[in-house]
């Protein structure tokens, strides 16, 4: 574990609020990375993906930047527009 990981773990154990906020932000980052990777794998720009989904390019940008707490519905629309299925798992 890095020093940063150690610090995060310590802060999470000291503060429930920090742990909650960290978990929320971590999920936004995971979604952002997953969408960016999918879009790039499909060879699409943000604008092209947005057109396929019927959303503004700014929506795709906000998701990819981690600035939007995206809903299941929007993620499902993105998946469907690319011929993919959205999978949610509990691990």
PDB file of N, CA and C in Angstrom:
ATOM      1  N   UNK A   1       0.823  -1.171   0.000  1.00  0.00           N
ATOM      2  CA  UNK A   1       0.000   0.000   0.000  1.00  0.00           C
ATOM      3  C   UNK A   1       0.881   1.253   0.000  1.00  0.00           C
ATOM      4  N   UNK A   2       0.459   2.253  -0.751  1.00  0.00           N
ATOM      5  CA  UNK A   2       1.212   3.500  -0.790  1.00  0.00           C
ATOM      6  C   UNK A   2       0.889   4.349   0.442  1.00  0.00           C
ATOM      7  N   UNK A   3       1.657   5.385   0.618  1.00  0.00           N
ATOM      8  CA  UNK A   3       1.404   6.297   1.738  1.00  0.00           C
ATOM      9  C   UNK A   3       0.040   6.962   1.588  1.00  0.00           C
ATOM     10  N   UNK A   4      -0.350   7.250   0.337  1.00  0.00           N
ATOM     11  CA  UNK A   4      -1.653   7.855   0.097  1.00  0.00           C
ATOM     12  C   UNK A   4      -2.761   6.878   0.467  1.00  0.00           C
ATOM     13  N   UNK A   5      -2.616   5.625   0.083  1.00  0.00           N
ATOM     14  CA  UNK A   5      -3.608   4.610   0.450  1.00  0.00           C
ATOM     15  C   UNK A   5      -3.720   4.479   1.962  1.00  0.00           C
ATOM     16  N   UNK A   6      -2.565   4.502   2.634  1.00  0.00           N
ATOM     17  CA  UNK A   6      -2.565   4.428   4.101  1.00  0.00           C
ATOM     18  C   UNK A   6      -3.309   5.614   4.711  1.00  0.00           C
ATOM     19  N   UNK A   7      -3.062   6.804   4.175  1.00  0.00           N
ATOM     20  CA  UNK A   7      -3.720   8.004   4.674  1.00  0.00           C
ATOM     21  C   UNK A   7      -5.232   7.921   4.461  1.00  0.00           C
ATOM     22  N   UNK A   8      -5.638   7.492   3.274  1.00  0.00           N
ATOM     23  CA  UNK A   8      -7.072   7.367   2.977  1.00  0.00           C
ATOM     24  C   UNK A   8      -7.727   6.376   3.926  1.00  0.00           C
ATOM     25  N   UNK A   9      -7.107   5.248   4.120  1.00  0.00           N
ATOM     26  CA  UNK A   9      -7.671   4.235   5.018  1.00  0.00           C
ATOM     27  C   UNK A   9      -7.777   4.763   6.445  1.00  0.00           C
ATOM     28  N   UNK A  10      -6.767   5.497   6.880  1.00  0.00           N
ATOM     29  CA  UNK A  10      -6.814   6.066   8.225  1.00  0.00           C
ATOM     30  C   UNK A  10      -7.949   7.078   8.347  1.00  0.00           C
ATOM     31  N   UNK A  11      -8.067   7.953   7.360  1.00  0.00           N
ATOM     32  CA  UNK A  11      -9.131   8.955   7.379  1.00  0.00           C
ATOM     33  C   UNK A  11     -10.512   8.304   7.349  1.00  0.00           C
ATOM     34  N   UNK A  12     -10.665   7.246   6.552  1.00  0.00           N
ATOM     35  CA  UNK A  12     -11.944   6.544   6.487  1.00  0.00           C
ATOM     36  C   UNK A  12     -12.296   5.923   7.830  1.00  0.00           C
ATOM     37  N   UNK A  13     -11.306   5.398   8.535  1.00  0.00           N
ATOM     38  CA  UNK A  13     -11.579   4.780   9.833  1.00  0.00           C
ATOM     39  C   UNK A  13     -11.876   5.829  10.907  1.00  0.00           C
ATOM     40  N   UNK A  14     -11.381   7.041  10.721  1.00  0.00           N
ATOM     41  CA  UNK A  14     -11.585   8.111  11.699  1.00  0.00           C
ATOM     42  C   UNK A  14     -12.894   8.874  11.489  1.00  0.00           C
ATOM     43  N   UNK A  15     -13.412   8.855  10.272  1.00  0.00           N
ATOM     44  CA  UNK A  15     -14.567   9.696   9.975  1.00  0.00           C
ATOM     45  C   UNK A  15     -15.550   8.974   9.054  1.00  0.00           C
ATOM     46  N   UNK A  16     -16.756   8.755   9.559  1.00  0.00           N
ATOM     47  CA  UNK A  16     -17.793   8.140   8.735  1.00  0.00           C
ATOM     48  C   UNK A  16     -18.150   9.032   7.562  1.00  0.00           C
ATOM     49  N   UNK A  17     -18.179  10.329   7.790  1.00  0.00           N
ATOM     50  CA  UNK A  17     -18.502  11.267   6.706  1.00  0.00           C
ATOM     51  C   UNK A  17     -17.456  11.187   5.595  1.00  0.00           C
ATOM     52  N   UNK A  18     -16.184  11.167   5.958  1.00  0.00           N
ATOM     53  CA  UNK A  18     -15.122  11.034   4.967  1.00  0.00           C
ATOM     54  C   UNK A  18     -15.280   9.724   4.203  1.00  0.00           C
ATOM     55  N   UNK A  19     -15.559   8.645   4.909  1.00  0.00           N
ATOM     56  CA  UNK A  19     -15.719   7.330   4.268  1.00  0.00           C
ATOM     57  C   UNK A  19     -16.866   7.357   3.262  1.00  0.00           C
ATOM     58  N   UNK A  20     -17.991   7.976   3.636  1.00  0.00           N
ATOM     59  CA  UNK A  20     -19.145   8.066   2.723  1.00  0.00           C
ATOM     60  C   UNK A  20     -18.800   8.884   1.478  1.00  0.00           C
ATOM     61  N   UNK A  21     -18.212  10.035   1.685  1.00  0.00           N
ATOM     62  CA  UNK A  21     -17.878  10.917   0.565  1.00  0.00           C
ATOM     63  C   UNK A  21     -16.823  10.288  -0.338  1.00  0.00           C
ATOM     64  N   UNK A  22     -15.862   9.614   0.265  1.00  0.00           N
ATOM     65  CA  UNK A  22     -14.828   8.936  -0.518  1.00  0.00           C
ATOM     66  C   UNK A  22     -15.461   7.842  -1.380  1.00  0.00           C
ATOM     67  N   UNK A  23     -16.380   7.079  -0.815  1.00  0.00           N
ATOM     68  CA  UNK A  23     -17.044   6.006  -1.558  1.00  0.00           C
ATOM     69  C   UNK A  23     -17.829   6.572  -2.737  1.00  0.00           C
ATOM     70  N   UNK A  24     -18.543   7.679  -2.523  1.00  0.00           N
ATOM     71  CA  UNK A  24     -19.312   8.300  -3.615  1.00  0.00           C
ATOM     72  C   UNK A  24     -18.383   8.769  -4.730  1.00  0.00           C
ATOM     73  N   UNK A  25     -17.323   9.438  -4.360  1.00  0.00           N
ATOM     74  CA  UNK A  25     -16.389   9.947  -5.365  1.00  0.00           C
ATOM     75  C   UNK A  25     -15.706   8.801  -6.103  1.00  0.00           C
ATOM     76  N   UNK A  26     -15.374   7.757  -5.389  1.00  0.00           N
ATOM     77  CA  UNK A  26     -14.728   6.601  -6.003  1.00  0.00           C
ATOM     78  C   UNK A  26     -15.648   5.969  -7.054  1.00  0.00           C
ATOM     79  N   UNK A  27     -16.929   5.905  -6.777  1.00  0.00           N
ATOM     80  CA  UNK A  27     -17.873   5.346  -7.741  1.00  0.00           C
ATOM     81  C   UNK A  27     -17.984   6.226  -8.986  1.00  0.00           C
ATOM     82  N   UNK A  28     -18.009   7.539  -8.795  1.00  0.00           N
ATOM     83  CA  UNK A  28     -18.055   8.447  -9.956  1.00  0.00           C
ATOM     84  C   UNK A  28     -16.822   8.264 -10.826  1.00  0.00           C
ATOM     85  N   UNK A  29     -15.673   8.077 -10.198  1.00  0.00           N
ATOM     86  CA  UNK A  29     -14.431   7.888 -10.952  1.00  0.00           C
ATOM     87  C   UNK A  29     -14.472   6.568 -11.722  1.00  0.00           C
ATOM     88  N   UNK A  30     -14.965   5.514 -11.096  1.00  0.00           N
ATOM     89  CA  UNK A  30     -15.059   4.224 -11.791  1.00  0.00           C
ATOM     90  C   UNK A  30     -15.958   4.321 -13.014  1.00  0.00           C
ATOM     91  N   UNK A  31     -17.090   4.999 -12.868  1.00  0.00           N
ATOM     92  CA  UNK A  31     -18.008   5.182 -13.990  1.00  0.00           C
ATOM     93  C   UNK A  31     -17.334   6.020 -15.074  1.00  0.00           C
ATOM     94  N   UNK A  32     -16.651   7.082 -14.679  1.00  0.00           N
ATOM     95  CA  UNK A  32     -15.973   7.957 -15.635  1.00  0.00           C
ATOM     96  C   UNK A  32     -14.948   7.172 -16.454  1.00  0.00           C
ATOM     97  N   UNK A  33     -14.143   6.380 -15.783  1.00  0.00           N
ATOM     98  CA  UNK A  33     -13.111   5.597 -16.467  1.00  0.00           C
ATOM     99  C   UNK A  33     -13.755   4.550 -17.378  1.00  0.00           C
ATOM    100  N   UNK A  34     -14.780   3.867 -16.881  1.00  0.00           N
ATOM    101  CA  UNK A  34     -15.435   2.826 -17.684  1.00  0.00           C
ATOM    102  C   UNK A  34     -16.050   3.411 -18.949  1.00  0.00           C
ATOM    103  N   UNK A  35     -16.723   4.561 -18.836  1.00  0.00           N
ATOM    104  CA  UNK A  35     -17.345   5.166 -20.012  1.00  0.00           C
ATOM    105  C   UNK A  35     -16.288   5.650 -20.989  1.00  0.00           C
ATOM    106  N   UNK A  36     -15.249   6.277 -20.498  1.00  0.00           N
ATOM    107  CA  UNK A  36     -14.178   6.754 -21.376  1.00  0.00           C
ATOM    108  C   UNK A  36     -13.544   5.590 -22.130  1.00  0.00           C
ATOM    109  N   UNK A  37     -13.273   4.509 -21.424  1.00  0.00           N
ATOM    110  CA  UNK A  37     -12.665   3.342 -22.070  1.00  0.00           C
ATOM    111  C   UNK A  37     -13.595   2.744 -23.114  1.00  0.00           C
ATOM    112  N   UNK A  38     -14.877   2.651 -22.794  1.00  0.00           N
ATOM    113  CA  UNK A  38     -15.844   2.108 -23.741  1.00  0.00           C
ATOM    114  C   UNK A  38     -15.926   2.988 -24.987  1.00  0.00           C
ATOM    115  N   UNK A  39     -16.049   4.285 -24.794  1.00  0.00           N
ATOM    116  CA  UNK A  39     -16.154   5.215 -25.920  1.00  0.00           C
ATOM    117  C   UNK A  39     -14.930   5.126 -26.818  1.00  0.00           C
ATOM    118  N   UNK A  40     -13.747   5.100 -26.211  1.00  0.00           N
ATOM    119  CA  UNK A  40     -12.516   5.018 -26.989  1.00  0.00           C
ATOM    120  C   UNK A  40     -12.398   3.678 -27.713  1.00  0.00           C
ATOM    121  N   UNK A  41     -12.805   2.604 -27.057  1.00  0.00           N
ATOM    122  CA  UNK A  41     -12.788   1.283 -27.686  1.00  0.00           C
ATOM    123  C   UNK A  41     -13.699   1.258 -28.915  1.00  0.00           C
ATOM    124  N   UNK A  42     -14.810   1.973 -28.833  1.00  0.00           N
ATOM    125  CA  UNK A  42     -15.751   2.047 -29.946  1.00  0.00           C
ATOM    126  C   UNK A  42     -15.287   3.039 -31.021  1.00  0.00           C
ATOM    127  N   UNK A  43     -14.210   3.756 -30.752  1.00  0.00           N
ATOM    128  CA  UNK A  43     -13.667   4.714 -31.712  1.00  0.00           C
ATOM    129  C   UNK A  43     -14.528   5.948 -31.895  1.00  0.00           C
ATOM    130  N   UNK A  44     -15.179   6.372 -30.825  1.00  0.00           N
ATOM    131  CA  UNK A  44     -16.089   7.509 -30.898  1.00  0.00           C
ATOM    132  C   UNK A  44     -15.547   8.710 -30.129  1.00  0.00           C
ATOM    133  N   UNK A  45     -15.872   9.889 -30.612  1.00  0.00           N
ATOM    134  CA  UNK A  45     -15.617  11.100 -29.852  1.00  0.00           C
ATOM    135  C   UNK A  45     -16.784  11.283 -28.883  1.00  0.00           C
ATOM    136  N   UNK A  46     -16.620  12.192 -27.949  1.00  0.00           N
ATOM    137  CA  UNK A  46     -17.729  12.487 -27.039  1.00  0.00           C
ATOM    138  C   UNK A  46     -18.940  12.976 -27.825  1.00  0.00           C
ATOM    139  N   UNK A  47     -18.708  13.807 -28.821  1.00  0.00           N
ATOM    140  CA  UNK A  47     -19.799  14.349 -29.626  1.00  0.00           C
ATOM    141  C   UNK A  47     -20.530  13.228 -30.387  1.00  0.00           C
ATOM    142  N   UNK A  48     -19.779  12.285 -30.943  1.00  0.00           N
ATOM    143  CA  UNK A  48     -20.397  11.169 -31.668  1.00  0.00           C
ATOM    144  C   UNK A  48     -21.212  10.284 -30.737  1.00  0.00           C
ATOM    145  N   UNK A  49     -20.665   9.996 -29.562  1.00  0.00           N
ATOM    146  CA  UNK A  49     -21.402   9.193 -28.590  1.00  0.00           C
ATOM    147  C   UNK A  49     -22.669   9.913 -28.158  1.00  0.00           C
ATOM    148  N   UNK A  50     -22.552  11.196 -27.883  1.00  0.00           N
ATOM    149  CA  UNK A  50     -23.711  11.979 -27.466  1.00  0.00           C
ATOM    150  C   UNK A  50     -24.808  11.931 -28.529  1.00  0.00           C
ATOM    151  N   UNK A  51     -24.435  12.030 -29.788  1.00  0.00           N
ATOM    152  CA  UNK A  51     -25.414  11.977 -30.875  1.00  0.00           C
ATOM    153  C   UNK A  51     -26.111  10.625 -30.911  1.00  0.00           C
ATOM    154  N   UNK A  52     -25.346   9.546 -30.709  1.00  0.00           N
ATOM    155  CA  UNK A  52     -25.947   8.203 -30.684  1.00  0.00           C
ATOM    156  C   UNK A  52     -26.943   8.048 -29.544  1.00  0.00           C
ATOM    157  N   UNK A  53     -26.621   8.652 -28.408  1.00  0.00           N
ATOM    158  CA  UNK A  53     -27.455   8.521 -27.210  1.00  0.00           C
ATOM    159  C   UNK A  53     -28.605   9.524 -27.213  1.00  0.00           C
ATOM    160  N   UNK A  54     -28.444  10.597 -27.966  1.00  0.00           N
ATOM    161  CA  UNK A  54     -29.452  11.644 -27.962  1.00  0.00           C
ATOM    162  C   UNK A  54     -29.334  12.574 -26.774  1.00  0.00           C
ATOM    163  N   UNK A  55     -28.112  12.761 -26.321  1.00  0.00           N
ATOM    164  CA  UNK A  55     -27.822  13.647 -25.183  1.00  0.00           C
ATOM    165  C   UNK A  55     -26.834  14.712 -25.655  1.00  0.00           C
ATOM    166  N   UNK A  56     -26.748  15.818 -24.941  1.00  0.00           N
ATOM    167  CA  UNK A  56     -25.732  16.821 -25.278  1.00  0.00           C
ATOM    168  C   UNK A  56     -24.322  16.278 -25.020  1.00  0.00           C
ATOM    169  N   UNK A  57     -23.368  16.752 -25.789  1.00  0.00           N
ATOM    170  CA  UNK A  57     -21.971  16.351 -25.594  1.00  0.00           C
ATOM    171  C   UNK A  57     -21.519  16.703 -24.187  1.00  0.00           C
ATOM    172  N   UNK A  58     -22.056  17.774 -23.630  1.00  0.00           N
ATOM    173  CA  UNK A  58     -21.667  18.189 -22.281  1.00  0.00           C
ATOM    174  C   UNK A  58     -22.035  17.135 -21.236  1.00  0.00           C
ATOM    175  N   UNK A  59     -23.098  16.387 -21.466  1.00  0.00           N
ATOM    176  CA  UNK A  59     -23.478  15.311 -20.538  1.00  0.00           C
ATOM    177  C   UNK A  59     -22.415  14.226 -20.528  1.00  0.00           C
ATOM    178  N   UNK A  60     -21.967  13.830 -21.721  1.00  0.00           N
ATOM    179  CA  UNK A  60     -20.910  12.807 -21.810  1.00  0.00           C
ATOM    180  C   UNK A  60     -19.643  13.329 -21.141  1.00  0.00           C
ATOM    181  N   UNK A  61     -19.298  14.588 -21.392  1.00  0.00           N
ATOM    182  CA  UNK A  61     -18.089  15.174 -20.788  1.00  0.00           C
ATOM    183  C   UNK A  61     -18.186  15.189 -19.270  1.00  0.00           C
ATOM    184  N   UNK A  62     -19.347  15.582 -18.739  1.00  0.00           N
ATOM    185  CA  UNK A  62     -19.503  15.634 -17.273  1.00  0.00           C
ATOM    186  C   UNK A  62     -19.389  14.244 -16.654  1.00  0.00           C
ATOM    187  N   UNK A  63     -19.929  13.223 -17.328  1.00  0.00           N
ATOM    188  CA  UNK A  63     -19.802  11.851 -16.813  1.00  0.00           C
ATOM    189  C   UNK A  63     -18.338  11.444 -16.833  1.00  0.00           C
ATOM    190  N   UNK A  64     -17.665  11.679 -17.958  1.00  0.00           N
ATOM    191  CA  UNK A  64     -16.262  11.260 -18.093  1.00  0.00           C
ATOM    192  C   UNK A  64     -15.331  12.036 -17.180  1.00  0.00           C
ATOM    193  N   UNK A  65     -15.703  13.240 -16.810  1.00  0.00           N
ATOM    194  CA  UNK A  65     -14.884  14.039 -15.889  1.00  0.00           C
ATOM    195  C   UNK A  65     -15.189  13.731 -14.429  1.00  0.00           C
ATOM    196  N   UNK A  66     -16.192  12.899 -14.189  1.00  0.00           N
ATOM    197  CA  UNK A  66     -16.575  12.570 -12.822  1.00  0.00           C
ATOM    198  C   UNK A  66     -17.357  13.674 -12.146  1.00  0.00           C
ATOM    199  N   UNK A  67     -17.883  14.609 -12.944  1.00  0.00           N
ATOM    200  CA  UNK A  67     -18.614  15.740 -12.387  1.00  0.00           C
ATOM    201  C   UNK A  67     -20.114  15.528 -12.355  1.00  0.00           C
ATOM    202  N   UNK A  68     -20.563  14.342 -12.713  1.00  0.00           N
ATOM    203  CA  UNK A  68     -21.995  14.076 -12.741  1.00  0.00           C
ATOM    204  C   UNK A  68     -22.276  12.761 -12.036  1.00  0.00           C
ATOM    205  N   UNK A  69     -23.220  12.783 -11.140  1.00  0.00           N
ATOM    206  CA  UNK A  69     -23.681  11.562 -10.498  1.00  0.00           C
ATOM    207  C   UNK A  69     -24.720  10.960 -11.441  1.00  0.00           C
ATOM    208  N   UNK A  70     -24.258  10.148 -12.361  1.00  0.00           N
ATOM    209  CA  UNK A  70     -25.082   9.663 -13.466  1.00  0.00           C
ATOM    210  C   UNK A  70     -26.073   8.604 -12.994  1.00  0.00           C
ATOM    211  N   UNK A  71     -27.251   8.623 -13.578  1.00  0.00           N
ATOM    212  CA  UNK A  71     -28.293   7.664 -13.201  1.00  0.00           C
ATOM    213  C   UNK A  71     -28.134   6.353 -13.963  1.00  0.00           C
ATOM    214  N   UNK A  72     -28.756   5.334 -13.421  1.00  0.00           N
ATOM    215  CA  UNK A  72     -28.800   4.038 -14.100  1.00  0.00           C
ATOM    216  C   UNK A  72     -29.433   4.206 -15.475  1.00  0.00           C
ATOM    217  N   UNK A  73     -30.484   5.017 -15.563  1.00  0.00           N
ATOM    218  CA  UNK A  73     -31.188   5.202 -16.822  1.00  0.00           C
ATOM    219  C   UNK A  73     -30.286   5.720 -17.925  1.00  0.00           C
ATOM    220  N   UNK A  74     -29.479   6.725 -17.620  1.00  0.00           N
ATOM    221  CA  UNK A  74     -28.577   7.274 -18.635  1.00  0.00           C
ATOM    222  C   UNK A  74     -27.516   6.249 -19.017  1.00  0.00           C
ATOM    223  N   UNK A  75     -26.962   5.553 -18.041  1.00  0.00           N
ATOM    224  CA  UNK A  75     -25.970   4.522 -18.360  1.00  0.00           C
ATOM    225  C   UNK A  75     -26.577   3.436 -19.236  1.00  0.00           C
ATOM    226  N   UNK A  76     -27.818   3.078 -18.956  1.00  0.00           N
ATOM    227  CA  UNK A  76     -28.486   2.061 -19.762  1.00  0.00           C
ATOM    228  C   UNK A  76     -28.738   2.571 -21.184  1.00  0.00           C
ATOM    229  N   UNK A  77     -29.106   3.850 -21.324  1.00  0.00           N
ATOM    230  CA  UNK A  77     -29.283   4.437 -22.659  1.00  0.00           C
ATOM    231  C   UNK A  77     -27.978   4.390 -23.449  1.00  0.00           C
ATOM    232  N   UNK A  78     -26.878   4.694 -22.793  1.00  0.00           N
ATOM    233  CA  UNK A  78     -25.572   4.658 -23.448  1.00  0.00           C
ATOM    234  C   UNK A  78     -25.264   3.231 -23.895  1.00  0.00           C
ATOM    235  N   UNK A  79     -25.440   2.288 -22.993  1.00  0.00           N
ATOM    236  CA  UNK A  79     -25.164   0.885 -23.326  1.00  0.00           C
ATOM    237  C   UNK A  79     -26.015   0.423 -24.508  1.00  0.00           C
ATOM    238  N   UNK A  80     -27.298   0.701 -24.451  1.00  0.00           N
ATOM    239  CA  UNK A  80     -28.214   0.276 -25.510  1.00  0.00           C
ATOM    240  C   UNK A  80     -27.847   0.901 -26.841  1.00  0.00           C
ATOM    241  N   UNK A  81     -27.486   2.176 -26.825  1.00  0.00           N
ATOM    242  CA  UNK A  81     -27.143   2.855 -28.076  1.00  0.00           C
ATOM    243  C   UNK A  81     -25.892   2.270 -28.727  1.00  0.00           C
ATOM    244  N   UNK A  82     -25.060   1.598 -27.945  1.00  0.00           N
ATOM    245  CA  UNK A  82     -23.842   0.971 -28.465  1.00  0.00           C
ATOM    246  C   UNK A  82     -23.998  -0.535 -28.655  1.00  0.00           C
ATOM    247  N   UNK A  83     -25.226  -1.028 -28.469  1.00  0.00           N
ATOM    248  CA  UNK A  83     -25.459  -2.463 -28.609  1.00  0.00           C
ATOM    249  C   UNK A  83     -24.863  -3.273 -27.481  1.00  0.00           C
ATOM    250  N   UNK A  84     -24.730  -2.660 -26.328  1.00  0.00           N
ATOM    251  CA  UNK A  84     -24.159  -3.309 -25.139  1.00  0.00           C
ATOM    252  C   UNK A  84     -25.247  -3.489 -24.094  1.00  0.00           C
ATOM    253  N   UNK A  85     -24.937  -4.280 -23.095  1.00  0.00           N
ATOM    254  CA  UNK A  85     -25.825  -4.391 -21.948  1.00  0.00           C
ATOM    255  C   UNK A  85     -25.096  -3.833 -20.729  1.00  0.00           C
ATOM    256  N   UNK A  86     -25.860  -3.210 -19.860  1.00  0.00           N
ATOM    257  CA  UNK A  86     -25.307  -2.659 -18.633  1.00  0.00           C
ATOM    258  C   UNK A  86     -25.401  -3.731 -17.564  1.00  0.00           C
ATOM    259  N   UNK A  87     -24.293  -3.996 -16.908  1.00  0.00           N
ATOM    260  CA  UNK A  87     -24.256  -5.017 -15.862  1.00  0.00           C
ATOM    261  C   UNK A  87     -23.870  -4.370 -14.550  1.00  0.00           C
ATOM    262  N   UNK A  88     -24.679  -4.606 -13.549  1.00  0.00           N
ATOM    263  CA  UNK A  88     -24.367  -4.119 -12.198  1.00  0.00           C
ATOM    264  C   UNK A  88     -24.200  -5.346 -11.316  1.00  0.00           C
ATOM    265  N   UNK A  89     -23.107  -5.341 -10.555  1.00  0.00           N
ATOM    266  CA  UNK A  89     -22.817  -6.503  -9.723  1.00  0.00           C
ATOM    267  C   UNK A  89     -22.533  -6.073  -8.294  1.00  0.00           C
ATOM    268  N   UNK A  90     -22.888  -6.947  -7.381  1.00  0.00           N
ATOM    269  CA  UNK A  90     -22.511  -6.760  -5.991  1.00  0.00           C
ATOM    270  C   UNK A  90     -21.354  -7.706  -5.723  1.00  0.00           C
ATOM    271  N   UNK A  91     -20.236  -7.156  -5.278  1.00  0.00           N
ATOM    272  CA  UNK A  91     -19.059  -7.988  -4.995  1.00  0.00           C
ATOM    273  C   UNK A  91     -18.587  -7.770  -3.581  1.00  0.00           C
TER     274      UNK A  91
END
